[in-house]
Amino acid sequence: MSDEDCRKWDARYREQKVALTEPATFLTSITDRLPTDGSAVDVAGGGGRNAIWLAQRGLDVTLLDISSEALRLAQQAADHAGVKITTEQIDLEDASFPVGPWDLIFSCDFLQRSLFAIYPNVLRIGGTLAVAQPTTKNLERHPRPPSRFLLKEGELRELASPLEVIYYDERWQDNDHHEARLVARRIPNRNASGG
């Protein structure tokens, strides 16, 4: 992302002033598939609504985002909720992904295909990847996000193929967005490095 993108997101979060507090419905719908302890990373987690929910469940959560304003809101909301989260300002297009190992990687409404080659190597064996991302079919009802941020049909399953997929759903969701949703687990001998 460019400095211009960073400024755009900072301005958007500055206008928001208060972080959203309700976690993504996808996250709450997969509660029984998520760890309740260990380390979690919320990828491009914005104002922290999902990171805070995960921390309330007992996880040690690191929230990654390019926007310093989003991270400020997230920290403020975490303090208000009485939970601890770690925030890290990072441009995931240029910087290295935090090494981990992670027990959970969560990504909602953020698409950078190159990260899917990294996820299996930074997940602990038995660790979980949970992703929700709109698909190109979403453009039938919504002009945003633009196509470069949308998955093709079936693509999410392919991107996560080094992992064992334990849940997959691709359809019009209750939020009226056509999304692919996936939960996958790292199993022994399916990935390049140990953990």
Protein backbone atom coordinates (compact mmCIF):
# COMPACT_ATOMS: atom_id res chain seq x y z
CA MET A 1 0.00 0.00 0.00
CA SER A 2 1.15 3.50 -0.69
CA ASP A 3 1.36 6.40 1.74
CA GLU A 4 -1.78 7.63 0.03
CA ASP A 5 -3.63 4.45 1.02
CA CYS A 6 -2.42 4.85 4.59
CA ARG A 7 -3.68 8.44 4.71
CA LYS A 8 -7.02 7.34 3.23
CA TRP A 9 -7.55 4.71 5.94
CA ASP A 10 -6.38 7.09 8.68
CA ALA A 11 -8.92 9.67 7.49
CA ARG A 12 -11.69 7.08 7.40
CA TYR A 13 -11.00 5.95 10.97
CA ARG A 14 -10.54 9.55 12.17
CA GLU A 15 -14.06 10.31 10.92
CA GLN A 16 -15.41 7.21 12.65
CA LYS A 17 -14.11 8.44 16.05
CA VAL A 18 -15.40 5.33 17.89
CA ALA A 19 -14.50 1.75 17.07
CA LEU A 20 -17.21 -0.74 16.14
CA THR A 21 -17.77 -3.13 19.01
CA GLU A 22 -19.70 -6.10 17.61
CA PRO A 23 -17.49 -8.83 16.11
CA ALA A 24 -18.04 -10.07 12.57
CA THR A 25 -20.93 -12.53 12.36
CA PHE A 26 -18.61 -15.00 10.65
CA LEU A 27 -16.36 -14.99 13.70
CA THR A 28 -19.18 -15.64 16.15
CA SER A 29 -20.62 -18.34 13.88
CA ILE A 30 -17.43 -20.43 14.09
CA THR A 31 -16.92 -20.18 17.86
CA ASP A 32 -16.72 -23.94 18.31
CA ARG A 33 -13.92 -24.16 15.71
CA LEU A 34 -11.67 -21.55 17.36
CA PRO A 35 -9.04 -21.99 20.05
CA THR A 36 -9.70 -20.41 23.45
CA ASP A 37 -6.07 -19.98 24.41
CA GLY A 38 -2.76 -19.36 22.72
CA SER A 39 -1.77 -16.62 20.29
CA ALA A 40 -3.95 -15.07 17.61
CA VAL A 41 -3.34 -12.51 14.90
CA ASP A 42 -6.11 -10.37 13.42
CA VAL A 43 -4.96 -9.45 9.90
CA ALA A 44 -5.87 -5.89 8.86
CA GLY A 45 -8.18 -5.82 11.86
CA GLY A 46 -9.00 -2.10 11.74
CA GLY A 47 -10.70 -0.76 14.86
CA GLY A 48 -10.27 -4.02 16.75
CA ARG A 49 -13.80 -5.40 17.09
CA ASN A 50 -12.68 -8.93 16.24
CA ALA A 51 -9.39 -8.73 18.14
CA ILE A 52 -11.21 -7.63 21.30
CA TRP A 53 -13.74 -10.47 21.01
CA LEU A 54 -10.90 -12.96 20.60
CA ALA A 55 -9.07 -11.50 23.61
CA GLN A 56 -12.25 -11.82 25.68
CA ARG A 57 -12.21 -15.54 24.82
CA GLY A 58 -8.74 -15.89 26.35
CA LEU A 59 -6.41 -15.50 23.37
CA ASP A 60 -3.26 -13.39 23.34
CA VAL A 61 -4.16 -11.21 20.34
CA THR A 62 -2.01 -9.12 18.00
CA LEU A 63 -3.91 -6.78 15.70
CA LEU A 64 -2.17 -5.79 12.46
CA ASP A 65 -3.25 -2.77 10.44
CA ILE A 66 -1.73 -0.08 8.23
CA SER A 67 -3.73 2.70 9.89
CA SER A 68 -2.39 4.29 13.06
CA GLU A 69 -5.86 5.79 13.63
CA ALA A 70 -7.47 2.35 13.48
CA LEU A 71 -4.95 1.02 15.97
CA ARG A 72 -5.54 3.97 18.29
CA LEU A 73 -9.29 3.27 18.23
CA ALA A 74 -8.66 -0.43 18.77
CA GLN A 75 -6.44 0.19 21.79
CA GLN A 76 -8.99 2.61 23.23
CA ALA A 77 -11.80 0.07 22.74
CA ALA A 78 -9.70 -2.74 24.26
CA ASP A 79 -8.96 -0.60 27.31
CA HIS A 80 -12.66 0.17 27.66
CA ALA A 81 -13.49 -3.55 27.36
CA GLY A 82 -10.86 -4.42 29.96
CA VAL A 83 -8.78 -6.66 27.70
CA LYS A 84 -5.21 -6.51 26.49
CA ILE A 85 -4.34 -6.59 22.82
CA THR A 86 -1.07 -5.87 21.05
CA THR A 87 -1.27 -3.56 18.05
CA GLU A 88 1.24 -3.37 15.24
CA GLN A 89 1.20 -0.84 12.43
CA ILE A 90 2.31 -2.72 9.35
CA ASP A 91 1.97 -2.52 5.59
CA LEU A 92 1.41 -6.17 4.73
CA GLU A 93 2.23 -5.54 1.07
CA ASP A 94 5.80 -4.50 1.94
CA ALA A 95 6.69 -5.86 5.37
CA SER A 96 7.28 -9.41 6.56
CA PHE A 97 4.36 -11.13 8.25
CA PRO A 98 4.97 -11.58 12.00
CA VAL A 99 6.65 -14.95 12.50
CA GLY A 100 4.49 -16.48 15.24
CA PRO A 101 3.89 -19.38 15.58
CA TRP A 102 0.18 -18.51 15.76
CA ASP A 103 -2.62 -20.67 17.09
CA LEU A 104 -5.12 -18.61 15.08
CA ILE A 105 -4.87 -16.35 12.06
CA PHE A 106 -8.08 -14.44 11.40
CA SER A 107 -8.74 -12.36 8.29
CA CYS A 108 -12.02 -10.69 7.40
CA ASP A 109 -12.53 -8.42 4.39
CA PHE A 110 -8.83 -8.20 3.52
CA LEU A 111 -7.35 -9.88 0.47
CA GLN A 112 -3.66 -10.21 -0.22
CA ARG A 113 -3.21 -13.49 -2.04
CA SER A 114 0.54 -13.69 -1.35
CA LEU A 115 -0.14 -14.13 2.39
CA PHE A 116 -1.72 -17.54 1.80
CA ALA A 117 1.72 -18.94 0.95
CA ILE A 118 3.00 -17.61 4.29
CA TYR A 119 0.13 -18.64 6.59
CA PRO A 120 0.96 -22.38 6.72
CA ASN A 121 4.52 -21.57 7.78
CA VAL A 122 3.58 -19.23 10.62
CA LEU A 123 0.73 -21.33 12.02
CA ARG A 124 1.54 -23.72 14.84
CA ILE A 125 0.79 -27.37 14.02
CA GLY A 126 -2.89 -27.70 14.89
CA GLY A 127 -3.31 -23.94 14.39
CA THR A 128 -6.36 -22.49 12.67
CA LEU A 129 -6.81 -20.13 9.74
CA ALA A 130 -10.23 -18.43 9.53
CA VAL A 131 -11.02 -16.22 6.53
CA ALA A 132 -14.11 -14.42 5.22
CA GLN A 133 -13.83 -12.52 1.94
CA PRO A 134 -16.34 -11.30 -0.66
CA THR A 135 -16.29 -12.93 -4.10
CA THR A 136 -16.74 -11.46 -7.58
CA LYS A 137 -20.42 -12.43 -7.43
CA ASN A 138 -20.79 -9.69 -4.79
CA LEU A 139 -20.60 -7.11 -7.63
CA GLU A 140 -24.08 -8.22 -8.74
CA ARG A 141 -25.50 -6.30 -5.76
CA HIS A 142 -22.70 -4.06 -4.51
CA PRO A 143 -20.21 -1.82 -6.34
CA ARG A 144 -17.62 -2.21 -3.56
CA PRO A 145 -15.17 -3.64 -2.95
CA PRO A 146 -13.77 -3.47 -6.48
CA SER A 147 -12.93 -6.69 -8.31
CA ARG A 148 -9.22 -6.69 -7.42
CA PHE A 149 -10.24 -7.26 -3.78
CA LEU A 150 -12.66 -10.07 -4.59
CA LEU A 151 -12.12 -13.80 -4.78
CA LYS A 152 -13.04 -15.88 -7.79
CA GLU A 153 -15.47 -18.75 -7.29
CA GLY A 154 -13.77 -21.52 -5.32
CA GLU A 155 -10.51 -19.57 -5.06
CA LEU A 156 -10.37 -19.38 -1.26
CA ARG A 157 -10.33 -23.17 -0.94
CA GLU A 158 -7.48 -23.31 -3.48
CA LEU A 159 -5.49 -20.58 -1.70
CA ALA A 160 -5.72 -22.48 1.58
CA SER A 161 -4.94 -25.86 0.01
CA PRO A 162 -1.76 -26.56 2.01
CA LEU A 163 -4.04 -26.66 5.08
CA GLU A 164 -6.81 -29.09 5.99
CA VAL A 165 -10.13 -27.36 5.28
CA ILE A 166 -12.61 -28.14 8.06
CA TYR A 167 -15.34 -25.66 7.07
CA TYR A 168 -16.13 -23.97 3.77
CA ASP A 169 -19.13 -21.90 2.72
CA GLU A 170 -19.53 -19.70 -0.34
CA ARG A 171 -22.88 -17.99 -0.88
CA TRP A 172 -24.97 -14.90 -0.23
CA GLN A 173 -24.59 -14.46 3.51
CA ASP A 174 -26.97 -12.91 6.03
CA ASN A 175 -25.12 -9.59 5.61
CA ASP A 176 -26.25 -9.54 1.92
CA HIS A 177 -22.70 -9.99 0.67
CA HIS A 178 -21.54 -12.92 -1.41
CA GLU A 179 -18.65 -14.25 0.65
CA ALA A 180 -16.38 -17.23 0.78
CA ARG A 181 -15.82 -18.35 4.38
CA LEU A 182 -13.23 -20.86 5.41
CA VAL A 183 -11.76 -22.47 8.50
CA ALA A 184 -8.65 -24.59 7.95
CA ARG A 185 -6.12 -26.26 10.20
CA ARG A 186 -2.42 -26.91 9.89
CA ILE A 187 -1.74 -30.61 10.24
CA PRO A 188 1.69 -32.31 10.50
CA ASN A 189 3.67 -32.95 7.31
CA ARG A 190 1.47 -30.73 5.12
CA ASN A 191 3.67 -27.60 5.31
CA ALA A 192 7.21 -26.52 4.64
CA SER A 193 8.52 -25.66 8.10
CA GLY A 194 8.03 -26.87 11.67
CA GLY A 195 6.19 -25.12 14.46
